[in-house]
């Protein structure tokens, strides 16, 4: 399954400073079924600004389809949308 730039649903928490931490993601599989995964750990967080579009990138370790994966999630600040930016091997 190709995860690159795939829109996802996410459950996240916000602390009192407004910092966002993703907790769970849900994405559509190739056979149009949904896969839910808990984020086991966050490796890094980076704030970005690409051509005026503010994003936050999260390097996350998850277990999906019985395999541990490293993914980079991207949160679009103004649109409040999540995507899987890329799979990190």
C-alpha atoms as a PDB file:
ATOM      1  CA  UNK A   1       0.000   0.000   0.000  1.00  0.00           C
ATOM      2  CA  UNK A   2       1.314   3.436  -0.938  1.00  0.00           C
ATOM      3  CA  UNK A   3       0.945   5.915   1.925  1.00  0.00           C
ATOM      4  CA  UNK A   4       2.668   8.941   0.338  1.00  0.00           C
ATOM      5  CA  UNK A   5       0.600  12.167   0.560  1.00  0.00           C
ATOM      6  CA  UNK A   6      -2.446  10.204   1.683  1.00  0.00           C
ATOM      7  CA  UNK A   7      -5.152  12.176   3.541  1.00  0.00           C
ATOM      8  CA  UNK A   8      -5.965  10.677   6.932  1.00  0.00           C
ATOM      9  CA  UNK A   9      -8.213  11.164   9.929  1.00  0.00           C
ATOM     10  CA  UNK A  10      -6.407  11.868  13.198  1.00  0.00           C
ATOM     11  CA  UNK A  11      -7.185  12.141  16.884  1.00  0.00           C
ATOM     12  CA  UNK A  12      -4.860  14.573  18.597  1.00  0.00           C
ATOM     13  CA  UNK A  13      -4.515  16.434  21.864  1.00  0.00           C
ATOM     14  CA  UNK A  14      -3.647  20.058  22.537  1.00  0.00           C
ATOM     15  CA  UNK A  15      -1.816  21.219  25.639  1.00  0.00           C
ATOM     16  CA  UNK A  16      -2.304  24.575  27.389  1.00  0.00           C
ATOM     17  CA  UNK A  17       0.335  26.166  25.123  1.00  0.00           C
ATOM     18  CA  UNK A  18      -1.522  25.078  21.982  1.00  0.00           C
ATOM     19  CA  UNK A  19       0.999  22.391  21.018  1.00  0.00           C
ATOM     20  CA  UNK A  20      -0.520  19.482  19.071  1.00  0.00           C
ATOM     21  CA  UNK A  21       0.263  15.816  19.688  1.00  0.00           C
ATOM     22  CA  UNK A  22      -1.249  13.191  17.344  1.00  0.00           C
ATOM     23  CA  UNK A  23      -2.516  10.102  19.194  1.00  0.00           C
ATOM     24  CA  UNK A  24      -4.287   7.900  16.608  1.00  0.00           C
ATOM     25  CA  UNK A  25      -4.705   7.844  12.853  1.00  0.00           C
ATOM     26  CA  UNK A  26      -7.235   6.228  10.551  1.00  0.00           C
ATOM     27  CA  UNK A  27      -6.748   5.788   6.834  1.00  0.00           C
ATOM     28  CA  UNK A  28      -8.472   4.077   3.952  1.00  0.00           C
ATOM     29  CA  UNK A  29      -6.892   0.867   2.715  1.00  0.00           C
ATOM     30  CA  UNK A  30      -6.559  -0.196  -0.949  1.00  0.00           C
ATOM     31  CA  UNK A  31      -9.747  -2.261  -0.604  1.00  0.00           C
ATOM     32  CA  UNK A  32     -11.668   0.792   0.775  1.00  0.00           C
ATOM     33  CA  UNK A  33     -11.682  -0.543   4.341  1.00  0.00           C
ATOM     34  CA  UNK A  34     -10.435   1.627   7.189  1.00  0.00           C
ATOM     35  CA  UNK A  35      -7.285   0.907   9.199  1.00  0.00           C
ATOM     36  CA  UNK A  36      -6.822   2.487  12.634  1.00  0.00           C
ATOM     37  CA  UNK A  37      -3.462   2.730  14.353  1.00  0.00           C
ATOM     38  CA  UNK A  38      -2.202   4.179  17.615  1.00  0.00           C
ATOM     39  CA  UNK A  39       0.922   6.301  17.458  1.00  0.00           C
ATOM     40  CA  UNK A  40       3.480   4.553  19.656  1.00  0.00           C
ATOM     41  CA  UNK A  41       6.031   7.362  19.770  1.00  0.00           C
ATOM     42  CA  UNK A  42       6.897  10.683  18.172  1.00  0.00           C
ATOM     43  CA  UNK A  43      10.519  10.886  17.025  1.00  0.00           C
ATOM     44  CA  UNK A  44      10.584  14.532  15.937  1.00  0.00           C
ATOM     45  CA  UNK A  45       8.417  17.602  15.348  1.00  0.00           C
ATOM     46  CA  UNK A  46       9.261  20.299  12.757  1.00  0.00           C
ATOM     47  CA  UNK A  47       7.447  23.554  11.978  1.00  0.00           C
ATOM     48  CA  UNK A  48       7.531  24.411   8.268  1.00  0.00           C
ATOM     49  CA  UNK A  49       6.430  27.209   5.974  1.00  0.00           C
ATOM     50  CA  UNK A  50       6.236  26.242   2.293  1.00  0.00           C
ATOM     51  CA  UNK A  51       5.192  29.138   0.041  1.00  0.00           C
ATOM     52  CA  UNK A  52       3.184  30.665   2.880  1.00  0.00           C
ATOM     53  CA  UNK A  53       1.516  27.381   3.926  1.00  0.00           C
ATOM     54  CA  UNK A  54       2.246  26.643   7.587  1.00  0.00           C
ATOM     55  CA  UNK A  55       2.613  22.962   8.397  1.00  0.00           C
ATOM     56  CA  UNK A  56       3.875  20.844  11.272  1.00  0.00           C
ATOM     57  CA  UNK A  57       5.654  17.574  10.438  1.00  0.00           C
ATOM     58  CA  UNK A  58       5.709  14.683  12.914  1.00  0.00           C
ATOM     59  CA  UNK A  59       8.028  11.693  12.616  1.00  0.00           C
ATOM     60  CA  UNK A  60       5.977   8.909  14.197  1.00  0.00           C
ATOM     61  CA  UNK A  61       6.373   5.231  14.965  1.00  0.00           C
ATOM     62  CA  UNK A  62       3.157   3.230  14.504  1.00  0.00           C
ATOM     63  CA  UNK A  63       2.110  -0.383  14.087  1.00  0.00           C
ATOM     64  CA  UNK A  64       0.016  -0.825  10.943  1.00  0.00           C
ATOM     65  CA  UNK A  65      -0.966  -4.054   9.201  1.00  0.00           C
ATOM     66  CA  UNK A  66       1.056  -6.024  11.794  1.00  0.00           C
ATOM     67  CA  UNK A  67       4.267  -4.148  10.931  1.00  0.00           C
ATOM     68  CA  UNK A  68       6.053  -1.352  12.724  1.00  0.00           C
ATOM     69  CA  UNK A  69       6.333   1.675  10.437  1.00  0.00           C
ATOM     70  CA  UNK A  70       8.008   5.046  10.644  1.00  0.00           C
ATOM     71  CA  UNK A  71       5.817   7.693   9.036  1.00  0.00           C
ATOM     72  CA  UNK A  72       5.990  11.430   8.636  1.00  0.00           C
ATOM     73  CA  UNK A  73       2.606  12.993   9.316  1.00  0.00           C
ATOM     74  CA  UNK A  74       1.919  16.530   8.125  1.00  0.00           C
ATOM     75  CA  UNK A  75      -0.607  18.831   9.792  1.00  0.00           C
ATOM     76  CA  UNK A  76      -1.795  21.810   7.722  1.00  0.00           C
ATOM     77  CA  UNK A  77      -2.334  24.547  10.304  1.00  0.00           C
ATOM     78  CA  UNK A  78      -4.758  26.793   8.383  1.00  0.00           C
ATOM     79  CA  UNK A  79      -6.834  23.921   6.918  1.00  0.00           C
ATOM     80  CA  UNK A  80      -6.742  21.675  10.026  1.00  0.00           C
ATOM     81  CA  UNK A  81      -6.022  18.651   7.793  1.00  0.00           C
ATOM     82  CA  UNK A  82      -3.685  15.698   8.262  1.00  0.00           C
ATOM     83  CA  UNK A  83      -1.779  13.687   5.639  1.00  0.00           C
ATOM     84  CA  UNK A  84       0.859  10.999   5.652  1.00  0.00           C
ATOM     85  CA  UNK A  85       3.687  12.865   3.950  1.00  0.00           C
ATOM     86  CA  UNK A  86       5.976   9.875   3.472  1.00  0.00           C
ATOM     87  CA  UNK A  87       7.038   6.519   4.837  1.00  0.00           C
ATOM     88  CA  UNK A  88      10.447   6.600   6.523  1.00  0.00           C
ATOM     89  CA  UNK A  89      12.333   3.319   6.204  1.00  0.00           C
END
